[in-house]
Structures are given as C-alpha cells and as structure tokens.
Amino acid sequence: MTPSEIRRNLEALWKTRWPAFIWGPPGVGKSAIVAQLAAEQGLSLVDIRAPLLDPTDLRGIPAVVGDRAEWFAPSFLPREGAAPGILFFDELNAAPPIVQASLYQLVLDRRIGEYRLPDGWRIVAAGNRENDRSVVYRMPDALSNRFVHLDFTPSFDDWRVWAIGRRLNPMVVAFLSLRRELLHKPGAAERAFPTPRSWEIAADILDAFDAGVGADDALAGTVGTGAAIELQKFIHSELSVAEIEAVLAEPERAPLPTKVSSLYVLVSNIARRGREEAMRAIAGKLLARLPLEFAAVLAKDILREHPLFVRNEHFKAFVTTHKEVFA
C-alpha cells in the first residue's frame, strides 16, 4: 500500500476497535505517517519503543493499599478519562518474543490485568520485515492474529506531496522527480543508501551547506556514494539561483527553461515557498506560460499549501482552459 492508502485504511480502522500493524522497510515513514495522522486529527500520541520494554513493564508495580495489594499501571499508558489518542508500539517485532507475548491481552482485549485502555484510544504498531536486514524476531502467531496487517510501499507521488509541505530543498525534490527509482533503493553492502528518510536528511544537509558546496562526503554518507554523485551532478548542471530569480522577477516576460530537469527545479523552488502571498501571485502568472504538465504540478502544489489559491484570477483561467487536469 502507498502512504496515502495506509492513511485511508488507518482512518477507517480507527472507527473500529481493531489494532493495525504497519509492515515496511526502514526509513520509509511508517512512524511518521502515524504521527502526522495523530497531529492532523488532534489525537494524543503515546510512542512506545517496544525493544526498550521489559516483559513486566506493561503490568506496572504492586502497592499495598489498605488491606490489599493493587497494581499501578506504568505512567506512559493513558489514564481513564484521557482525551482520545493513539497508543503506538514502534519496532514491535524487534522486541524479544517474551516482550511481544506480554502484549497479547492489551492488543486484543484493550486491557492488561486491572488496567483498561480508555475509550477513544486506538492501538497501532509498526515494524520491519524479516528480509529487511533488520534485527527482528518472528511475531508469535497468537499476536499476529490480533492485528490488521498493512504493507507499506514507498510512493514518490505521496513523498513529493509531503516534501513540498515540509519545504525540503527544491533541488532534492526536482532530482527525485526525474529519478524516482532512487527514492528507495536499499543497498546490498553500503551503510548509507537512498530511502525517503535519508533524502530528507540530504535535503537538510544541502540547506546547511552554502549552495551545497563541500557537502559531498556528508551526502555520500547519507544516501550512498552513487546517489550522492548523481545529485551533485544534477545540482551543478541546472538553473542557478540568479536564473531562478530572473523568472521570479518577471514571471510574465522572462525566458523560461526548456529542459525538463530545469523546469522541475523551477517549479520545486516556487512550490517550496507556496505559503508566501507574493510567490503565489508569481505562480499564478506562470500557469499560462509553463508546459501543461508542469503548470498542473505547480497549481496542485500551491493548492495543497494554500487552498484559497482557487481565488487567484490566473488559476481560474487555467482551470477553465484545462479542466481535464483536475478531473
């Protein structure tokens, strides 16, 4: 499932009492999608790293109360009356089997001993697969049968939407728009290799270095040597900051690039600043001049950042002429 499909399934499952387990390779955004959904829906998020748990942690500790012993649940579990939220067990299958077994009752019955998970709380877990070169234990059948299993597959289109919202370095977004297959390419031997997470790191590295100068080693140590070399070649062969600024200064008259790669660079630079009113005005003026494919990409990017862009006169004219783009 793509990230957007995972989102739809989680939103549907959260209307039921059934827990979900997200399977996928390292670095694709399993944890991030849960955190993002929680934030968007105003839900509390309790993120528990399962490998750090001891088998007795979830049970809590006993204490003498009057003439009897009572169990006090651990502080990280939500209390009765707590606002709705998500109890998220990350890297669950990296925990030893005895720790996984301690979750049987909580996952299925929403209780453990005397503790009950409050109404409005959902249980989600995530983990890597056995073939992902990760430290994992086979999940016991008794626990596996308590989850709805969702398989996470990276999607460039979904990643690009996220990257624009995160305002990642536009050169990384433009580069991957051309080399989509490099979004996720686990290496057989290299310590560093391309994943959605490592590209996010690479984008931040480019921002930290002046125009990316001197970033070669850090990039190679993030996405791998091959991908880093390709990215740097792309950066050095594309539009300069001055050329981009020339288009932004005169969006109705300045010459536009003709190379596909350069158009991706231009559109990605504008989309990154789509929250700025002046940049939205520039984007509107460029819609009629850009090749249709790139005008459509830019329009959709700006709309996601600022839905009121629909009121822009140039956007209205563009939609009237090219209704098929938004069909």
C-alpha atoms as a PDB file:
ATOM      1  CA  MET A   1       0.000   0.000   0.000  1.00  0.00           C
ATOM      2  CA  THR A   2       1.163   3.534  -0.708  1.00  0.00           C
ATOM      3  CA  PRO A   3       1.321   6.026   2.182  1.00  0.00           C
ATOM      4  CA  SER A   4      -1.995   7.593   1.127  1.00  0.00           C
ATOM      5  CA  GLU A   5      -3.623   4.148   1.084  1.00  0.00           C
ATOM      6  CA  ILE A   6      -2.172   3.398   4.521  1.00  0.00           C
ATOM      7  CA  ARG A   7      -3.695   6.658   5.759  1.00  0.00           C
ATOM      8  CA  ARG A   8      -7.131   5.783   4.407  1.00  0.00           C
ATOM      9  CA  ASN A   9      -7.014   2.328   5.973  1.00  0.00           C
ATOM     10  CA  LEU A  10      -5.901   3.659   9.354  1.00  0.00           C
ATOM     11  CA  GLU A  11      -8.634   6.299   9.359  1.00  0.00           C
ATOM     12  CA  ALA A  12     -11.218   3.598   8.635  1.00  0.00           C
ATOM     13  CA  LEU A  13      -9.826   1.173  11.221  1.00  0.00           C
ATOM     14  CA  TRP A  14      -9.846   3.888  13.869  1.00  0.00           C
ATOM     15  CA  LYS A  15     -13.640   3.841  13.624  1.00  0.00           C
ATOM     16  CA  THR A  16     -13.470   0.254  14.907  1.00  0.00           C
ATOM     17  CA  ARG A  17     -11.743  -1.319  17.914  1.00  0.00           C
ATOM     18  CA  TRP A  18      -9.228  -3.299  15.870  1.00  0.00           C
ATOM     19  CA  PRO A  19      -5.480  -2.580  16.009  1.00  0.00           C
ATOM     20  CA  ALA A  20      -3.279  -2.215  12.925  1.00  0.00           C
ATOM     21  CA  PHE A  21       0.302  -3.298  12.228  1.00  0.00           C
ATOM     22  CA  ILE A  22       2.266  -1.431   9.545  1.00  0.00           C
ATOM     23  CA  TRP A  23       4.986  -3.500   7.872  1.00  0.00           C
ATOM     24  CA  GLY A  24       7.734  -1.949   5.785  1.00  0.00           C
ATOM     25  CA  PRO A  25      11.465  -1.451   5.256  1.00  0.00           C
ATOM     26  CA  PRO A  26      13.496   1.011   7.340  1.00  0.00           C
ATOM     27  CA  GLY A  27      13.321   4.701   6.516  1.00  0.00           C
ATOM     28  CA  VAL A  28      10.089   4.798   4.504  1.00  0.00           C
ATOM     29  CA  GLY A  29       7.995   6.781   7.002  1.00  0.00           C
ATOM     30  CA  LYS A  30       5.939   4.244   8.943  1.00  0.00           C
ATOM     31  CA  SER A  31       6.286   6.106  12.233  1.00  0.00           C
ATOM     32  CA  ALA A  32       5.939   9.497  10.552  1.00  0.00           C
ATOM     33  CA  ILE A  33       2.582   8.671   8.992  1.00  0.00           C
ATOM     34  CA  VAL A  34       1.138   7.686  12.381  1.00  0.00           C
ATOM     35  CA  ALA A  35       2.459  10.875  13.995  1.00  0.00           C
ATOM     36  CA  GLN A  36       1.164  13.003  11.107  1.00  0.00           C
ATOM     37  CA  LEU A  37      -2.318  11.494  11.286  1.00  0.00           C
ATOM     38  CA  ALA A  38      -2.444  11.966  15.049  1.00  0.00           C
ATOM     39  CA  ALA A  39      -1.489  15.635  14.692  1.00  0.00           C
ATOM     40  CA  GLU A  40      -3.998  16.253  11.897  1.00  0.00           C
ATOM     41  CA  GLN A  41      -6.843  14.695  13.883  1.00  0.00           C
ATOM     42  CA  GLY A  42      -5.914  16.330  17.177  1.00  0.00           C
ATOM     43  CA  LEU A  43      -5.169  13.000  18.852  1.00  0.00           C
ATOM     44  CA  SER A  44      -2.657  12.409  21.613  1.00  0.00           C
ATOM     45  CA  LEU A  45       0.201  10.106  20.632  1.00  0.00           C
ATOM     46  CA  VAL A  46       1.990   7.782  23.041  1.00  0.00           C
ATOM     47  CA  ASP A  47       5.017   6.441  21.155  1.00  0.00           C
ATOM     48  CA  ILE A  48       6.476   3.351  22.835  1.00  0.00           C
ATOM     49  CA  ARG A  49       9.685   1.774  21.523  1.00  0.00           C
ATOM     50  CA  ALA A  50       8.890  -1.881  22.094  1.00  0.00           C
ATOM     51  CA  PRO A  51      12.520  -3.147  22.197  1.00  0.00           C
ATOM     52  CA  LEU A  52      13.109  -0.985  25.289  1.00  0.00           C
ATOM     53  CA  LEU A  53      10.304  -2.650  27.233  1.00  0.00           C
ATOM     54  CA  ASP A  54      10.784  -5.287  29.881  1.00  0.00           C
ATOM     55  CA  PRO A  55       8.138  -8.066  29.935  1.00  0.00           C
ATOM     56  CA  THR A  56       6.818  -6.760  33.263  1.00  0.00           C
ATOM     57  CA  ASP A  57       6.738  -3.057  32.329  1.00  0.00           C
ATOM     58  CA  LEU A  58       3.178  -3.049  30.998  1.00  0.00           C
ATOM     59  CA  ARG A  59       1.821  -4.761  34.104  1.00  0.00           C
ATOM     60  CA  GLY A  60       3.108  -1.992  36.347  1.00  0.00           C
ATOM     61  CA  ILE A  61       4.049  -2.384  40.005  1.00  0.00           C
ATOM     62  CA  PRO A  62       2.039  -3.574  43.024  1.00  0.00           C
ATOM     63  CA  ALA A  63       1.492  -1.463  46.115  1.00  0.00           C
ATOM     64  CA  VAL A  64      -0.299  -2.090  49.396  1.00  0.00           C
ATOM     65  CA  VAL A  65      -3.475  -0.041  49.624  1.00  0.00           C
ATOM     66  CA  GLY A  66      -5.258  -0.589  52.914  1.00  0.00           C
ATOM     67  CA  ASP A  67      -5.533  -4.310  53.434  1.00  0.00           C
ATOM     68  CA  ARG A  68      -4.967  -5.295  49.814  1.00  0.00           C
ATOM     69  CA  ALA A  69      -2.420  -5.083  47.020  1.00  0.00           C
ATOM     70  CA  GLU A  70      -3.245  -3.039  43.935  1.00  0.00           C
ATOM     71  CA  TRP A  71      -1.376  -2.797  40.644  1.00  0.00           C
ATOM     72  CA  PHE A  72      -0.394   0.644  39.402  1.00  0.00           C
ATOM     73  CA  ALA A  73      -0.082   0.880  35.620  1.00  0.00           C
ATOM     74  CA  PRO A  74       3.041   2.492  34.121  1.00  0.00           C
ATOM     75  CA  SER A  75       2.886   6.246  33.648  1.00  0.00           C
ATOM     76  CA  PHE A  76       3.151   6.034  29.844  1.00  0.00           C
ATOM     77  CA  LEU A  77      -0.226   4.296  29.499  1.00  0.00           C
ATOM     78  CA  PRO A  78      -3.174   6.720  29.181  1.00  0.00           C
ATOM     79  CA  ARG A  79      -5.359   7.083  32.246  1.00  0.00           C
ATOM     80  CA  GLU A  80      -9.129   6.739  32.442  1.00  0.00           C
ATOM     81  CA  GLY A  81     -10.771   9.876  31.091  1.00  0.00           C
ATOM     82  CA  ALA A  82      -7.787  10.807  28.929  1.00  0.00           C
ATOM     83  CA  ALA A  83      -8.552  12.597  25.664  1.00  0.00           C
ATOM     84  CA  PRO A  84      -8.656  10.261  22.611  1.00  0.00           C
ATOM     85  CA  GLY A  85      -5.323   9.211  21.212  1.00  0.00           C
ATOM     86  CA  ILE A  86      -3.093   6.563  19.682  1.00  0.00           C
ATOM     87  CA  LEU A  87      -1.028   4.009  21.576  1.00  0.00           C
ATOM     88  CA  PHE A  88       1.786   3.318  19.128  1.00  0.00           C
ATOM     89  CA  PHE A  89       4.202   0.415  19.570  1.00  0.00           C
ATOM     90  CA  ASP A  90       7.061   1.146  17.199  1.00  0.00           C
ATOM     91  CA  GLU A  91       9.554  -1.555  16.186  1.00  0.00           C
ATOM     92  CA  LEU A  92       7.301  -4.075  17.909  1.00  0.00           C
ATOM     93  CA  ASN A  93       8.774  -7.152  16.275  1.00  0.00           C
ATOM     94  CA  ALA A  94      12.290  -6.029  17.232  1.00  0.00           C
ATOM     95  CA  ALA A  95      11.317  -6.750  20.834  1.00  0.00           C
ATOM     96  CA  PRO A  96      12.117 -10.247  22.167  1.00  0.00           C
ATOM     97  CA  PRO A  97       9.243 -12.764  21.922  1.00  0.00           C
ATOM     98  CA  ILE A  98       8.648 -12.647  25.673  1.00  0.00           C
ATOM     99  CA  VAL A  99       8.007  -8.888  25.423  1.00  0.00           C
ATOM    100  CA  GLN A 100       5.711  -9.380  22.425  1.00  0.00           C
ATOM    101  CA  ALA A 101       3.801 -12.021  24.394  1.00  0.00           C
ATOM    102  CA  SER A 102       3.179  -9.510  27.186  1.00  0.00           C
ATOM    103  CA  LEU A 103       1.032  -7.534  24.724  1.00  0.00           C
ATOM    104  CA  TYR A 104      -1.477 -10.285  23.926  1.00  0.00           C
ATOM    105  CA  GLN A 105      -4.210  -9.102  26.268  1.00  0.00           C
ATOM    106  CA  LEU A 106      -3.707  -5.382  25.678  1.00  0.00           C
ATOM    107  CA  VAL A 107      -3.815  -5.688  21.882  1.00  0.00           C
ATOM    108  CA  LEU A 108      -6.917  -7.880  21.732  1.00  0.00           C
ATOM    109  CA  ASP A 109      -8.916  -7.006  24.848  1.00  0.00           C
ATOM    110  CA  ARG A 110      -7.653  -3.431  25.349  1.00  0.00           C
ATOM    111  CA  ARG A 111      -6.721  -4.295  28.921  1.00  0.00           C
ATOM    112  CA  ILE A 112      -3.861  -5.800  30.870  1.00  0.00           C
ATOM    113  CA  GLY A 113      -4.549  -7.046  34.372  1.00  0.00           C
ATOM    114  CA  GLU A 114      -6.627  -4.386  36.117  1.00  0.00           C
ATOM    115  CA  TYR A 115      -5.722  -1.700  33.582  1.00  0.00           C
ATOM    116  CA  ARG A 116      -8.139  -0.808  30.783  1.00  0.00           C
ATOM    117  CA  LEU A 117      -7.300   1.305  27.742  1.00  0.00           C
ATOM    118  CA  PRO A 118      -9.662   4.320  27.780  1.00  0.00           C
ATOM    119  CA  ASP A 119     -12.392   4.678  25.185  1.00  0.00           C
ATOM    120  CA  GLY A 120     -11.293   6.659  22.149  1.00  0.00           C
ATOM    121  CA  TRP A 121      -7.782   5.211  22.146  1.00  0.00           C
ATOM    122  CA  ARG A 122      -6.516   3.208  19.166  1.00  0.00           C
ATOM    123  CA  ILE A 123      -3.629   0.749  19.059  1.00  0.00           C
ATOM    124  CA  VAL A 124      -1.174   0.846  16.147  1.00  0.00           C
ATOM    125  CA  ALA A 125       2.154  -0.946  15.795  1.00  0.00           C
ATOM    126  CA  ALA A 126       4.892  -0.940  13.177  1.00  0.00           C
ATOM    127  CA  GLY A 127       7.977  -2.921  12.324  1.00  0.00           C
ATOM    128  CA  ASN A 128      10.435  -4.025   9.681  1.00  0.00           C
ATOM    129  CA  ARG A 129      10.119  -7.260   7.746  1.00  0.00           C
ATOM    130  CA  GLU A 130      12.405 -10.242   8.228  1.00  0.00           C
ATOM    131  CA  ASN A 131      14.012  -9.663   4.804  1.00  0.00           C
ATOM    132  CA  ASP A 132      14.916  -6.020   5.531  1.00  0.00           C
ATOM    133  CA  ARG A 133      18.311  -6.764   7.095  1.00  0.00           C
ATOM    134  CA  SER A 134      16.926  -5.532  10.404  1.00  0.00           C
ATOM    135  CA  VAL A 135      17.068  -7.010  13.888  1.00  0.00           C
ATOM    136  CA  VAL A 136      13.633  -8.595  14.163  1.00  0.00           C
ATOM    137  CA  TYR A 137      12.033 -11.588  15.815  1.00  0.00           C
ATOM    138  CA  ARG A 138       9.308 -13.654  14.244  1.00  0.00           C
ATOM    139  CA  MET A 139       5.985 -12.437  15.593  1.00  0.00           C
ATOM    140  CA  PRO A 140       4.109 -15.148  17.519  1.00  0.00           C
ATOM    141  CA  ASP A 141       1.012 -16.314  15.655  1.00  0.00           C
ATOM    142  CA  ALA A 142      -1.136 -15.541  18.679  1.00  0.00           C
ATOM    143  CA  LEU A 143      -0.095 -11.866  18.500  1.00  0.00           C
ATOM    144  CA  SER A 144      -0.071 -11.653  14.708  1.00  0.00           C
ATOM    145  CA  ASN A 145      -3.678 -12.839  14.563  1.00  0.00           C
ATOM    146  CA  ARG A 146      -4.757  -9.917  16.728  1.00  0.00           C
ATOM    147  CA  PHE A 147      -3.704  -7.262  14.164  1.00  0.00           C
ATOM    148  CA  VAL A 148      -4.930  -5.997  10.808  1.00  0.00           C
ATOM    149  CA  HIS A 149      -1.712  -6.085   8.744  1.00  0.00           C
ATOM    150  CA  LEU A 150      -0.878  -3.256   6.307  1.00  0.00           C
ATOM    151  CA  ASP A 151       2.153  -3.468   3.988  1.00  0.00           C
ATOM    152  CA  PHE A 152       3.842  -0.104   3.348  1.00  0.00           C
ATOM    153  CA  THR A 153       5.236   0.582  -0.140  1.00  0.00           C
ATOM    154  CA  PRO A 154       7.068   3.893  -0.776  1.00  0.00           C
ATOM    155  CA  SER A 155       5.430   6.143  -3.376  1.00  0.00           C
ATOM    156  CA  PHE A 156       7.194   9.091  -4.984  1.00  0.00           C
ATOM    157  CA  ASP A 157       3.945  10.984  -5.620  1.00  0.00           C
ATOM    158  CA  ASP A 158       2.992  10.739  -1.945  1.00  0.00           C
ATOM    159  CA  TRP A 159       6.533  11.593  -0.870  1.00  0.00           C
ATOM    160  CA  ARG A 160       6.586  14.681  -3.091  1.00  0.00           C
ATOM    161  CA  VAL A 161       3.373  15.984  -1.527  1.00  0.00           C
ATOM    162  CA  TRP A 162       4.944  15.510   1.896  1.00  0.00           C
ATOM    163  CA  ALA A 163       8.275  17.048   0.803  1.00  0.00           C
ATOM    164  CA  ILE A 164       6.614  20.213  -0.518  1.00  0.00           C
ATOM    165  CA  GLY A 165       4.686  20.563   2.742  1.00  0.00           C
ATOM    166  CA  ARG A 166       7.899  20.024   4.699  1.00  0.00           C
ATOM    167  CA  ARG A 167       9.590  22.595   2.386  1.00  0.00           C
ATOM    168  CA  LEU A 168      12.537  20.354   1.610  1.00  0.00           C
ATOM    169  CA  ASN A 169      15.399  21.650  -0.502  1.00  0.00           C
ATOM    170  CA  PRO A 170      13.913  22.036  -4.023  1.00  0.00           C
ATOM    171  CA  MET A 171      16.972  20.520  -5.713  1.00  0.00           C
ATOM    172  CA  VAL A 172      16.320  17.203  -3.974  1.00  0.00           C
ATOM    173  CA  VAL A 173      12.634  17.313  -4.939  1.00  0.00           C
ATOM    174  CA  ALA A 174      13.483  18.162  -8.560  1.00  0.00           C
ATOM    175  CA  PHE A 175      16.208  15.499  -8.766  1.00  0.00           C
ATOM    176  CA  LEU A 176      13.919  12.756  -7.493  1.00  0.00           C
ATOM    177  CA  SER A 177      11.156  13.932  -9.824  1.00  0.00           C
ATOM    178  CA  LEU A 178      13.465  12.779 -12.618  1.00  0.00           C
ATOM    179  CA  ARG A 179      14.996   9.793 -10.825  1.00  0.00           C
ATOM    180  CA  ARG A 180      12.009   8.371  -8.973  1.00  0.00           C
ATOM    181  CA  GLU A 181      13.598   4.946  -8.714  1.00  0.00           C
ATOM    182  CA  LEU A 182      16.186   6.428  -6.339  1.00  0.00           C
ATOM    183  CA  LEU A 183      13.608   7.379  -3.713  1.00  0.00           C
ATOM    184  CA  HIS A 184      14.036   3.969  -2.112  1.00  0.00           C
ATOM    185  CA  LYS A 185      16.916   1.760  -3.157  1.00  0.00           C
ATOM    186  CA  PRO A 186      18.310  -0.298  -0.271  1.00  0.00           C
ATOM    187  CA  GLY A 187      21.989  -1.106  -0.702  1.00  0.00           C
ATOM    188  CA  ALA A 188      23.304  -4.633  -0.500  1.00  0.00           C
ATOM    189  CA  ALA A 189      26.574  -3.596   1.135  1.00  0.00           C
ATOM    190  CA  GLU A 190      26.723   0.172   1.679  1.00  0.00           C
ATOM    191  CA  ARG A 191      25.988   1.569   5.109  1.00  0.00           C
ATOM    192  CA  ALA A 192      24.238   4.553   3.504  1.00  0.00           C
ATOM    193  CA  PHE A 193      21.575   4.138   0.839  1.00  0.00           C
ATOM    194  CA  PRO A 194      18.564   6.039  -0.533  1.00  0.00           C
ATOM    195  CA  THR A 195      15.335   5.974   1.464  1.00  0.00           C
ATOM    196  CA  PRO A 196      12.661   8.634   1.978  1.00  0.00           C
ATOM    197  CA  ARG A 197      14.214   9.320   5.381  1.00  0.00           C
ATOM    198  CA  SER A 198      17.780   9.628   4.077  1.00  0.00           C
ATOM    199  CA  TRP A 199      16.632  12.018   1.319  1.00  0.00           C
ATOM    200  CA  GLU A 200      15.051  14.214   3.991  1.00  0.00           C
ATOM    201  CA  ILE A 201      18.411  14.258   5.761  1.00  0.00           C
ATOM    202  CA  ALA A 202      20.196  15.004   2.474  1.00  0.00           C
ATOM    203  CA  ALA A 203      17.875  17.953   1.827  1.00  0.00           C
ATOM    204  CA  ASP A 204      18.672  19.394   5.254  1.00  0.00           C
ATOM    205  CA  ILE A 205      22.398  18.881   4.582  1.00  0.00           C
ATOM    206  CA  LEU A 206      22.138  20.893   1.353  1.00  0.00           C
ATOM    207  CA  ASP A 207      20.409  23.690   3.253  1.00  0.00           C
ATOM    208  CA  ALA A 208      23.157  23.644   5.882  1.00  0.00           C
ATOM    209  CA  PHE A 209      25.985  23.977   3.344  1.00  0.00           C
ATOM    210  CA  ASP A 210      26.286  27.151   1.274  1.00  0.00           C
ATOM    211  CA  ALA A 211      24.821  26.145  -2.107  1.00  0.00           C
ATOM    212  CA  GLY A 212      25.767  22.565  -1.286  1.00  0.00           C
ATOM    213  CA  VAL A 213      29.495  23.343  -1.585  1.00  0.00           C
ATOM    214  CA  GLY A 214      31.541  20.903   0.494  1.00  0.00           C
ATOM    215  CA  ALA A 215      28.575  18.633   1.169  1.00  0.00           C
ATOM    216  CA  ASP A 216      29.855  15.717  -0.943  1.00  0.00           C
ATOM    217  CA  ASP A 217      31.061  13.498   1.899  1.00  0.00           C
ATOM    218  CA  ALA A 218      28.033  14.150   4.084  1.00  0.00           C
ATOM    219  CA  LEU A 219      25.668  13.400   1.195  1.00  0.00           C
ATOM    220  CA  ALA A 220      27.536  10.191   0.337  1.00  0.00           C
ATOM    221  CA  GLY A 221      27.269   9.201   3.978  1.00  0.00           C
ATOM    222  CA  THR A 222      23.520   9.738   3.836  1.00  0.00           C
ATOM    223  CA  VAL A 223      22.174   8.406   0.516  1.00  0.00           C
ATOM    224  CA  GLY A 224      25.198   6.421  -0.651  1.00  0.00           C
ATOM    225  CA  THR A 225      28.056   7.325  -2.959  1.00  0.00           C
ATOM    226  CA  GLY A 226      26.303   6.670  -6.276  1.00  0.00           C
ATOM    227  CA  ALA A 227      23.132   8.618  -5.487  1.00  0.00           C
ATOM    228  CA  ALA A 228      25.148  11.476  -3.970  1.00  0.00           C
ATOM    229  CA  ILE A 229      27.311  11.817  -7.094  1.00  0.00           C
ATOM    230  CA  GLU A 230      24.223  11.888  -9.319  1.00  0.00           C
ATOM    231  CA  LEU A 231      22.571  14.502  -7.112  1.00  0.00           C
ATOM    232  CA  GLN A 232      25.636  16.750  -7.154  1.00  0.00           C
ATOM    233  CA  LYS A 233      25.968  16.482 -10.945  1.00  0.00           C
ATOM    234  CA  PHE A 234      22.308  17.420 -11.254  1.00  0.00           C
ATOM    235  CA  ILE A 235      22.726  20.435  -8.978  1.00  0.00           C
ATOM    236  CA  HIS A 236      25.782  21.747 -10.826  1.00  0.00           C
ATOM    237  CA  SER A 237      24.186  21.374 -14.265  1.00  0.00           C
ATOM    238  CA  GLU A 238      20.864  23.036 -13.518  1.00  0.00           C
ATOM    239  CA  LEU A 239      19.435  26.521 -13.078  1.00  0.00           C
ATOM    240  CA  SER A 240      21.433  28.900 -10.940  1.00  0.00           C
ATOM    241  CA  VAL A 241      19.854  30.973  -8.210  1.00  0.00           C
ATOM    242  CA  ALA A 242      20.238  34.032 -10.445  1.00  0.00           C
ATOM    243  CA  GLU A 243      18.336  32.358 -13.296  1.00  0.00           C
ATOM    244  CA  ILE A 244      15.511  31.369 -10.967  1.00  0.00           C
ATOM    245  CA  GLU A 245      15.348  34.866  -9.505  1.00  0.00           C
ATOM    246  CA  ALA A 246      15.148  36.327 -13.017  1.00  0.00           C
ATOM    247  CA  VAL A 247      11.996  34.297 -13.697  1.00  0.00           C
ATOM    248  CA  LEU A 248      10.508  35.261 -10.343  1.00  0.00           C
ATOM    249  CA  ALA A 249      11.209  38.944 -11.003  1.00  0.00           C
ATOM    250  CA  GLU A 250       9.375  38.949 -14.348  1.00  0.00           C
ATOM    251  CA  PRO A 251       7.106  35.889 -14.435  1.00  0.00           C
ATOM    252  CA  GLU A 252       5.139  37.177 -17.438  1.00  0.00           C
ATOM    253  CA  ARG A 253       8.138  38.010 -19.649  1.00  0.00           C
ATOM    254  CA  ALA A 254      11.335  36.296 -18.505  1.00  0.00           C
ATOM    255  CA  PRO A 255      12.555  33.414 -20.697  1.00  0.00           C
ATOM    256  CA  LEU A 256      11.601  30.042 -19.222  1.00  0.00           C
ATOM    257  CA  PRO A 257      13.866  26.992 -19.199  1.00  0.00           C
ATOM    258  CA  THR A 258      13.186  24.336 -21.816  1.00  0.00           C
ATOM    259  CA  LYS A 259      14.951  21.342 -20.254  1.00  0.00           C
ATOM    260  CA  VAL A 260      12.634  19.032 -18.316  1.00  0.00           C
ATOM    261  CA  SER A 261      15.079  18.890 -15.412  1.00  0.00           C
ATOM    262  CA  SER A 262      15.309  22.694 -15.251  1.00  0.00           C
ATOM    263  CA  LEU A 263      11.537  23.017 -15.268  1.00  0.00           C
ATOM    264  CA  TYR A 264      11.367  20.648 -12.289  1.00  0.00           C
ATOM    265  CA  VAL A 265      13.913  22.828 -10.489  1.00  0.00           C
ATOM    266  CA  LEU A 266      11.906  25.995 -11.191  1.00  0.00           C
ATOM    267  CA  VAL A 267       8.568  24.504 -10.137  1.00  0.00           C
ATOM    268  CA  SER A 268      10.057  22.933  -6.991  1.00  0.00           C
ATOM    269  CA  ASN A 269      11.612  26.247  -5.952  1.00  0.00           C
ATOM    270  CA  ILE A 270       8.295  28.060  -6.302  1.00  0.00           C
ATOM    271  CA  ALA A 271       6.305  25.320  -4.570  1.00  0.00           C
ATOM    272  CA  ARG A 272       8.674  25.367  -1.604  1.00  0.00           C
ATOM    273  CA  ARG A 273       7.639  28.976  -0.958  1.00  0.00           C
ATOM    274  CA  GLY A 274       3.960  28.449  -1.728  1.00  0.00           C
ATOM    275  CA  ARG A 275       2.902  29.788   1.662  1.00  0.00           C
ATOM    276  CA  GLU A 276       4.130  33.257   0.652  1.00  0.00           C
ATOM    277  CA  GLU A 277       1.485  35.502  -0.918  1.00  0.00           C
ATOM    278  CA  ALA A 278       3.960  37.054  -3.364  1.00  0.00           C
ATOM    279  CA  MET A 279       5.107  33.628  -4.529  1.00  0.00           C
ATOM    280  CA  ARG A 280       1.519  32.504  -5.102  1.00  0.00           C
ATOM    281  CA  ALA A 281       0.976  35.564  -7.282  1.00  0.00           C
ATOM    282  CA  ILE A 282       4.062  34.628  -9.319  1.00  0.00           C
ATOM    283  CA  ALA A 283       2.864  31.033  -9.613  1.00  0.00           C
ATOM    284  CA  GLY A 284      -0.476  32.212 -10.965  1.00  0.00           C
ATOM    285  CA  LYS A 285       1.190  34.286 -13.678  1.00  0.00           C
ATOM    286  CA  LEU A 286       3.367  31.344 -14.735  1.00  0.00           C
ATOM    287  CA  LEU A 287       0.498  28.874 -15.184  1.00  0.00           C
ATOM    288  CA  ALA A 288      -0.311  30.069 -18.694  1.00  0.00           C
ATOM    289  CA  ARG A 289       3.360  30.023 -19.750  1.00  0.00           C
ATOM    290  CA  LEU A 290       4.616  26.719 -18.396  1.00  0.00           C
ATOM    291  CA  PRO A 291       4.168  23.439 -20.293  1.00  0.00           C
ATOM    292  CA  LEU A 292       0.848  21.947 -19.199  1.00  0.00           C
ATOM    293  CA  GLU A 293       2.411  19.089 -17.213  1.00  0.00           C
ATOM    294  CA  PHE A 294       4.478  21.478 -15.118  1.00  0.00           C
ATOM    295  CA  ALA A 295       1.712  24.057 -14.783  1.00  0.00           C
ATOM    296  CA  ALA A 296      -0.550  21.322 -13.398  1.00  0.00           C
ATOM    297  CA  VAL A 297       2.109  20.174 -10.927  1.00  0.00           C
ATOM    298  CA  LEU A 298       2.689  23.744  -9.750  1.00  0.00           C
ATOM    299  CA  ALA A 299      -1.021  24.508  -9.411  1.00  0.00           C
ATOM    300  CA  LYS A 300      -1.642  21.394  -7.317  1.00  0.00           C
ATOM    301  CA  ASP A 301       1.402  22.055  -5.142  1.00  0.00           C
ATOM    302  CA  ILE A 302       0.277  25.604  -4.383  1.00  0.00           C
ATOM    303  CA  LEU A 303      -3.300  24.489  -3.720  1.00  0.00           C
ATOM    304  CA  ARG A 304      -2.132  21.989  -1.106  1.00  0.00           C
ATOM    305  CA  GLU A 305      -0.161  24.730   0.637  1.00  0.00           C
ATOM    306  CA  HIS A 306      -2.893  27.367   0.300  1.00  0.00           C
ATOM    307  CA  PRO A 307      -6.393  26.156  -0.716  1.00  0.00           C
ATOM    308  CA  LEU A 308      -7.568  29.752  -1.229  1.00  0.00           C
ATOM    309  CA  PHE A 309      -5.351  29.843  -4.316  1.00  0.00           C
ATOM    310  CA  VAL A 310      -8.583  28.855  -6.100  1.00  0.00           C
ATOM    311  CA  ARG A 311      -9.485  32.559  -5.948  1.00  0.00           C
ATOM    312  CA  ASN A 312      -6.434  33.583  -7.979  1.00  0.00           C
ATOM    313  CA  GLU A 313      -7.609  35.000 -11.327  1.00  0.00           C
ATOM    314  CA  HIS A 314      -4.847  33.247 -13.263  1.00  0.00           C
ATOM    315  CA  PHE A 315      -5.671  29.937 -11.593  1.00  0.00           C
ATOM    316  CA  LYS A 316      -9.349  30.351 -12.514  1.00  0.00           C
ATOM    317  CA  ALA A 317      -8.402  30.971 -16.137  1.00  0.00           C
ATOM    318  CA  PHE A 318      -6.075  27.969 -16.122  1.00  0.00           C
ATOM    319  CA  VAL A 319      -8.775  25.652 -14.770  1.00  0.00           C
ATOM    320  CA  THR A 320     -11.307  26.948 -17.293  1.00  0.00           C
ATOM    321  CA  THR A 321      -8.920  26.164 -20.139  1.00  0.00           C
ATOM    322  CA  HIS A 322      -7.617  22.862 -18.760  1.00  0.00           C
ATOM    323  CA  LYS A 323     -10.491  21.286 -16.857  1.00  0.00           C
ATOM    324  CA  GLU A 324      -9.097  17.822 -17.592  1.00  0.00           C
ATOM    325  CA  VAL A 325      -6.152  18.447 -15.260  1.00  0.00           C
ATOM    326  CA  PHE A 326      -8.449  18.491 -12.234  1.00  0.00           C
ATOM    327  CA  ALA A 327     -10.998  15.960 -13.443  1.00  0.00           C
END
